[in-house]
Amino acid sequence: MSAFEFEFRTITGEALPLSRFEGNPVLVVNTASQCGLTPQYRELQGLWEKYRARGLTIIGVPSNDFGAQEPGTEHEIAEFCEVNYAVTFPLTAKQQVIGGEAHPFYRWACEVAGEDAAPRWNFHKYLIAPDGSLAQVYPSKMSPLDTAIIGEIERLLG
């Protein structure tokens, strides 16, 4: 099974099949608006602006799973991201990312990489390779601009 077999819904309700990004790397990040790590939105936006033209996609997945730090509606989340961080990368509808009701993408990632790869907090990162395999898993506190993440993105972009 490949990551490209999964589909999210955008924050505005449209289908967002990951197959749309096949052949390119994708960074999937569970996000929250009321978290100490929320400023990572700015770093994710910078990464998006730097690598988008080369094929990188970043997908933010708002989730209220950790500390109830994403209590807003989709409209409120989208507005927060736009006003505070000028986010232009795709955001999904709010999702569960842990437990039995987790989005199928997150259940797949844990099956592939093991339960230790499950999100433990907001801003957990999964880097998907151009072939749809799970290339890397990065912890919440790791900056999206960390050299380990940048290096792997560069490698995947060729």
C-alpha atoms as a PDB file:
ATOM      1  CA  MET A   1       0.000   0.000   0.000  1.00  0.00           C
ATOM      2  CA  SER A   2       1.144   3.536  -0.785  1.00  0.00           C
ATOM      3  CA  ALA A   3       0.400   6.893   0.837  1.00  0.00           C
ATOM      4  CA  PHE A   4      -0.980   7.927  -2.535  1.00  0.00           C
ATOM      5  CA  GLU A   5      -3.970   5.613  -2.023  1.00  0.00           C
ATOM      6  CA  PHE A   6      -5.392   7.881   0.699  1.00  0.00           C
ATOM      7  CA  GLU A   7      -7.619  10.912   0.441  1.00  0.00           C
ATOM      8  CA  PHE A   8      -8.308  13.808   2.762  1.00  0.00           C
ATOM      9  CA  ARG A   9     -10.923  16.528   2.484  1.00  0.00           C
ATOM     10  CA  THR A  10      -9.648  20.075   2.285  1.00  0.00           C
ATOM     11  CA  ILE A  11     -10.546  22.570   4.951  1.00  0.00           C
ATOM     12  CA  THR A  12     -13.164  23.898   2.510  1.00  0.00           C
ATOM     13  CA  GLY A  13     -14.646  20.434   1.918  1.00  0.00           C
ATOM     14  CA  GLU A  14     -13.166  19.428  -1.450  1.00  0.00           C
ATOM     15  CA  ALA A  15     -11.546  16.060  -2.148  1.00  0.00           C
ATOM     16  CA  LEU A  16      -7.772  16.007  -1.697  1.00  0.00           C
ATOM     17  CA  PRO A  17      -6.501  12.675  -3.033  1.00  0.00           C
ATOM     18  CA  LEU A  18      -2.833  12.187  -2.227  1.00  0.00           C
ATOM     19  CA  SER A  19      -2.486  10.542  -5.654  1.00  0.00           C
ATOM     20  CA  ARG A  20      -2.518  14.107  -7.000  1.00  0.00           C
ATOM     21  CA  PHE A  21       1.049  14.423  -5.673  1.00  0.00           C
ATOM     22  CA  GLU A  22       2.406  11.104  -6.928  1.00  0.00           C
ATOM     23  CA  GLY A  23       5.982  11.497  -8.172  1.00  0.00           C
ATOM     24  CA  ASN A  24       6.758  14.234  -5.654  1.00  0.00           C
ATOM     25  CA  PRO A  25       7.560  14.322  -1.937  1.00  0.00           C
ATOM     26  CA  VAL A  26       4.813  15.290   0.503  1.00  0.00           C
ATOM     27  CA  LEU A  27       5.233  16.492   4.085  1.00  0.00           C
ATOM     28  CA  VAL A  28       2.127  15.714   6.167  1.00  0.00           C
ATOM     29  CA  VAL A  29       1.926  17.565   9.496  1.00  0.00           C
ATOM     30  CA  ASN A  30      -0.802  17.447  12.149  1.00  0.00           C
ATOM     31  CA  THR A  31      -1.375  21.012  13.295  1.00  0.00           C
ATOM     32  CA  ALA A  32      -3.077  23.028  16.032  1.00  0.00           C
ATOM     33  CA  SER A  33      -3.762  26.739  16.470  1.00  0.00           C
ATOM     34  CA  GLN A  34      -3.379  26.988  20.253  1.00  0.00           C
ATOM     35  CA  CYS A  35      -0.124  25.104  20.795  1.00  0.00           C
ATOM     36  CA  GLY A  36       3.323  26.279  21.827  1.00  0.00           C
ATOM     37  CA  LEU A  37       4.523  24.826  18.521  1.00  0.00           C
ATOM     38  CA  THR A  38       1.980  26.772  16.437  1.00  0.00           C
ATOM     39  CA  PRO A  39       4.729  29.143  15.144  1.00  0.00           C
ATOM     40  CA  GLN A  40       5.914  26.158  13.085  1.00  0.00           C
ATOM     41  CA  TYR A  41       3.201  27.263  10.646  1.00  0.00           C
ATOM     42  CA  ARG A  42       5.570  30.100   9.661  1.00  0.00           C
ATOM     43  CA  GLU A  43       8.418  27.640   9.071  1.00  0.00           C
ATOM     44  CA  LEU A  44       6.169  25.287   7.108  1.00  0.00           C
ATOM     45  CA  GLN A  45       5.046  28.200   4.939  1.00  0.00           C
ATOM     46  CA  GLY A  46       8.698  29.137   4.324  1.00  0.00           C
ATOM     47  CA  LEU A  47       9.485  25.553   3.336  1.00  0.00           C
ATOM     48  CA  TRP A  48       6.467  25.531   1.007  1.00  0.00           C
ATOM     49  CA  GLU A  49       7.551  28.778  -0.637  1.00  0.00           C
ATOM     50  CA  LYS A  50      11.124  27.549  -1.099  1.00  0.00           C
ATOM     51  CA  TYR A  51      10.389  24.075  -2.505  1.00  0.00           C
ATOM     52  CA  ARG A  52       6.898  24.219  -3.997  1.00  0.00           C
ATOM     53  CA  ALA A  53       8.133  24.997  -7.517  1.00  0.00           C
ATOM     54  CA  ARG A  54      10.431  21.948  -7.330  1.00  0.00           C
ATOM     55  CA  GLY A  55       7.533  19.649  -6.418  1.00  0.00           C
ATOM     56  CA  LEU A  56       7.280  19.522  -2.615  1.00  0.00           C
ATOM     57  CA  THR A  57       3.775  19.584  -1.184  1.00  0.00           C
ATOM     58  CA  ILE A  58       3.036  20.340   2.450  1.00  0.00           C
ATOM     59  CA  ILE A  59      -0.307  19.288   3.895  1.00  0.00           C
ATOM     60  CA  GLY A  60      -1.452  20.589   7.262  1.00  0.00           C
ATOM     61  CA  VAL A  61      -3.887  18.322   9.101  1.00  0.00           C
ATOM     62  CA  PRO A  62      -5.647  20.241  11.894  1.00  0.00           C
ATOM     63  CA  SER A  63      -6.354  17.998  14.865  1.00  0.00           C
ATOM     64  CA  ASN A  64      -7.802  18.482  18.324  1.00  0.00           C
ATOM     65  CA  ASP A  65      -6.277  15.230  19.620  1.00  0.00           C
ATOM     66  CA  PHE A  66      -3.603  16.778  21.834  1.00  0.00           C
ATOM     67  CA  GLY A  67      -4.552  19.112  24.660  1.00  0.00           C
ATOM     68  CA  ALA A  68      -7.738  20.220  22.864  1.00  0.00           C
ATOM     69  CA  GLN A  69      -5.538  22.820  21.149  1.00  0.00           C
ATOM     70  CA  GLU A  70      -7.530  22.946  17.904  1.00  0.00           C
ATOM     71  CA  PRO A  71     -11.097  23.573  19.122  1.00  0.00           C
ATOM     72  CA  GLY A  72     -12.186  25.833  16.249  1.00  0.00           C
ATOM     73  CA  THR A  73     -14.295  25.149  13.198  1.00  0.00           C
ATOM     74  CA  GLU A  74     -12.690  24.653   9.801  1.00  0.00           C
ATOM     75  CA  HIS A  75     -13.563  28.259   8.914  1.00  0.00           C
ATOM     76  CA  GLU A  76     -11.932  29.548  12.117  1.00  0.00           C
ATOM     77  CA  ILE A  77      -8.826  27.414  11.543  1.00  0.00           C
ATOM     78  CA  ALA A  78      -8.438  28.600   7.941  1.00  0.00           C
ATOM     79  CA  GLU A  79      -8.872  32.226   8.972  1.00  0.00           C
ATOM     80  CA  PHE A  80      -6.359  31.863  11.826  1.00  0.00           C
ATOM     81  CA  CYS A  81      -3.752  30.335   9.509  1.00  0.00           C
ATOM     82  CA  GLU A  82      -4.247  32.972   6.835  1.00  0.00           C
ATOM     83  CA  VAL A  83      -4.297  35.996   9.143  1.00  0.00           C
ATOM     84  CA  ASN A  84      -1.485  34.955  11.495  1.00  0.00           C
ATOM     85  CA  TYR A  85       0.853  32.965   9.242  1.00  0.00           C
ATOM     86  CA  ALA A  86      -0.217  33.711   5.638  1.00  0.00           C
ATOM     87  CA  VAL A  87      -0.532  29.942   5.078  1.00  0.00           C
ATOM     88  CA  THR A  88      -1.092  28.988   1.442  1.00  0.00           C
ATOM     89  CA  PHE A  89      -0.208  25.276   1.559  1.00  0.00           C
ATOM     90  CA  PRO A  90      -3.170  22.860   1.629  1.00  0.00           C
ATOM     91  CA  LEU A  91      -5.004  22.325   4.903  1.00  0.00           C
ATOM     92  CA  THR A  92      -7.374  19.428   5.454  1.00  0.00           C
ATOM     93  CA  ALA A  93     -10.604  19.316   7.383  1.00  0.00           C
ATOM     94  CA  LYS A  94     -10.035  18.674  11.086  1.00  0.00           C
ATOM     95  CA  GLN A  95      -9.051  15.020  11.644  1.00  0.00           C
ATOM     96  CA  GLN A  96      -8.287  12.581  14.396  1.00  0.00           C
ATOM     97  CA  VAL A  97      -4.695  11.419  14.037  1.00  0.00           C
ATOM     98  CA  ILE A  98      -4.454   8.897  16.891  1.00  0.00           C
ATOM     99  CA  GLY A  99      -6.559   6.024  18.149  1.00  0.00           C
ATOM    100  CA  GLY A 100      -9.172   3.869  16.491  1.00  0.00           C
ATOM    101  CA  GLU A 101     -10.873   6.816  14.804  1.00  0.00           C
ATOM    102  CA  ALA A 102      -7.647   8.181  13.311  1.00  0.00           C
ATOM    103  CA  HIS A 103      -7.705   9.064   9.621  1.00  0.00           C
ATOM    104  CA  PRO A 104      -6.686   5.994   7.545  1.00  0.00           C
ATOM    105  CA  PHE A 105      -3.454   7.726   6.444  1.00  0.00           C
ATOM    106  CA  TYR A 106      -2.318   7.926  10.068  1.00  0.00           C
ATOM    107  CA  ARG A 107      -3.269   4.308  10.775  1.00  0.00           C
ATOM    108  CA  TRP A 108      -1.282   3.264   7.665  1.00  0.00           C
ATOM    109  CA  ALA A 109       1.776   5.281   8.745  1.00  0.00           C
ATOM    110  CA  CYS A 110       1.749   3.521  12.129  1.00  0.00           C
ATOM    111  CA  GLU A 111       1.397   0.127  10.467  1.00  0.00           C
ATOM    112  CA  VAL A 112       4.353   0.873   8.191  1.00  0.00           C
ATOM    113  CA  ALA A 113       6.674   2.541  10.707  1.00  0.00           C
ATOM    114  CA  GLY A 114       5.412   1.054  13.981  1.00  0.00           C
ATOM    115  CA  GLU A 115       3.473   2.526  16.875  1.00  0.00           C
ATOM    116  CA  ASP A 116       6.521   4.553  17.917  1.00  0.00           C
ATOM    117  CA  ALA A 117       5.932   6.594  14.751  1.00  0.00           C
ATOM    118  CA  ALA A 118       2.442   7.658  15.871  1.00  0.00           C
ATOM    119  CA  PRO A 119       2.014  11.348  16.636  1.00  0.00           C
ATOM    120  CA  ARG A 120       2.687  12.112  20.296  1.00  0.00           C
ATOM    121  CA  TRP A 121       1.794  15.796  19.982  1.00  0.00           C
ATOM    122  CA  ASN A 122       0.896  18.507  17.471  1.00  0.00           C
ATOM    123  CA  PHE A 123       3.236  19.189  14.522  1.00  0.00           C
ATOM    124  CA  HIS A 124       4.393  15.586  14.111  1.00  0.00           C
ATOM    125  CA  LYS A 125       5.744  15.188  10.569  1.00  0.00           C
ATOM    126  CA  TYR A 126       5.610  12.393   7.994  1.00  0.00           C
ATOM    127  CA  LEU A 127       7.681  12.786   4.838  1.00  0.00           C
ATOM    128  CA  ILE A 128       6.309  10.757   1.944  1.00  0.00           C
ATOM    129  CA  ALA A 129       8.680   9.776  -0.867  1.00  0.00           C
ATOM    130  CA  PRO A 130       7.765  10.336  -4.530  1.00  0.00           C
ATOM    131  CA  ASP A 131       6.879   6.613  -4.816  1.00  0.00           C
ATOM    132  CA  GLY A 132       4.364   6.870  -1.948  1.00  0.00           C
ATOM    133  CA  SER A 133       6.488   5.121   0.657  1.00  0.00           C
ATOM    134  CA  LEU A 134       7.041   6.605   4.095  1.00  0.00           C
ATOM    135  CA  ALA A 135      10.503   8.157   3.824  1.00  0.00           C
ATOM    136  CA  GLN A 136      10.927   9.656   7.295  1.00  0.00           C
ATOM    137  CA  VAL A 137       9.104  10.493  10.511  1.00  0.00           C
ATOM    138  CA  TYR A 138      10.029  13.618  12.466  1.00  0.00           C
ATOM    139  CA  PRO A 139       8.994  14.537  16.016  1.00  0.00           C
ATOM    140  CA  SER A 140       6.834  17.499  16.918  1.00  0.00           C
ATOM    141  CA  LYS A 141       9.588  19.651  18.377  1.00  0.00           C
ATOM    142  CA  MET A 142      11.836  19.291  15.322  1.00  0.00           C
ATOM    143  CA  SER A 143      11.674  22.477  13.288  1.00  0.00           C
ATOM    144  CA  PRO A 144      10.504  22.048   9.695  1.00  0.00           C
ATOM    145  CA  LEU A 145      13.697  23.943   8.806  1.00  0.00           C
ATOM    146  CA  ASP A 146      15.979  21.459  10.596  1.00  0.00           C
ATOM    147  CA  THR A 147      18.884  20.348   8.414  1.00  0.00           C
ATOM    148  CA  ALA A 148      17.745  16.705   8.666  1.00  0.00           C
ATOM    149  CA  ILE A 149      14.365  17.558   7.125  1.00  0.00           C
ATOM    150  CA  ILE A 150      15.805  19.935   4.525  1.00  0.00           C
ATOM    151  CA  GLY A 151      18.457  17.385   3.551  1.00  0.00           C
ATOM    152  CA  GLU A 152      15.915  14.609   3.060  1.00  0.00           C
ATOM    153  CA  ILE A 153      13.612  16.885   1.044  1.00  0.00           C
ATOM    154  CA  GLU A 154      16.555  17.886  -1.160  1.00  0.00           C
ATOM    155  CA  ARG A 155      17.470  14.221  -1.631  1.00  0.00           C
ATOM    156  CA  LEU A 156      13.907  13.272  -2.585  1.00  0.00           C
ATOM    157  CA  LEU A 157      13.625  16.182  -5.006  1.00  0.00           C
ATOM    158  CA  GLY A 158      16.822  15.010  -6.708  1.00  0.00           C
END
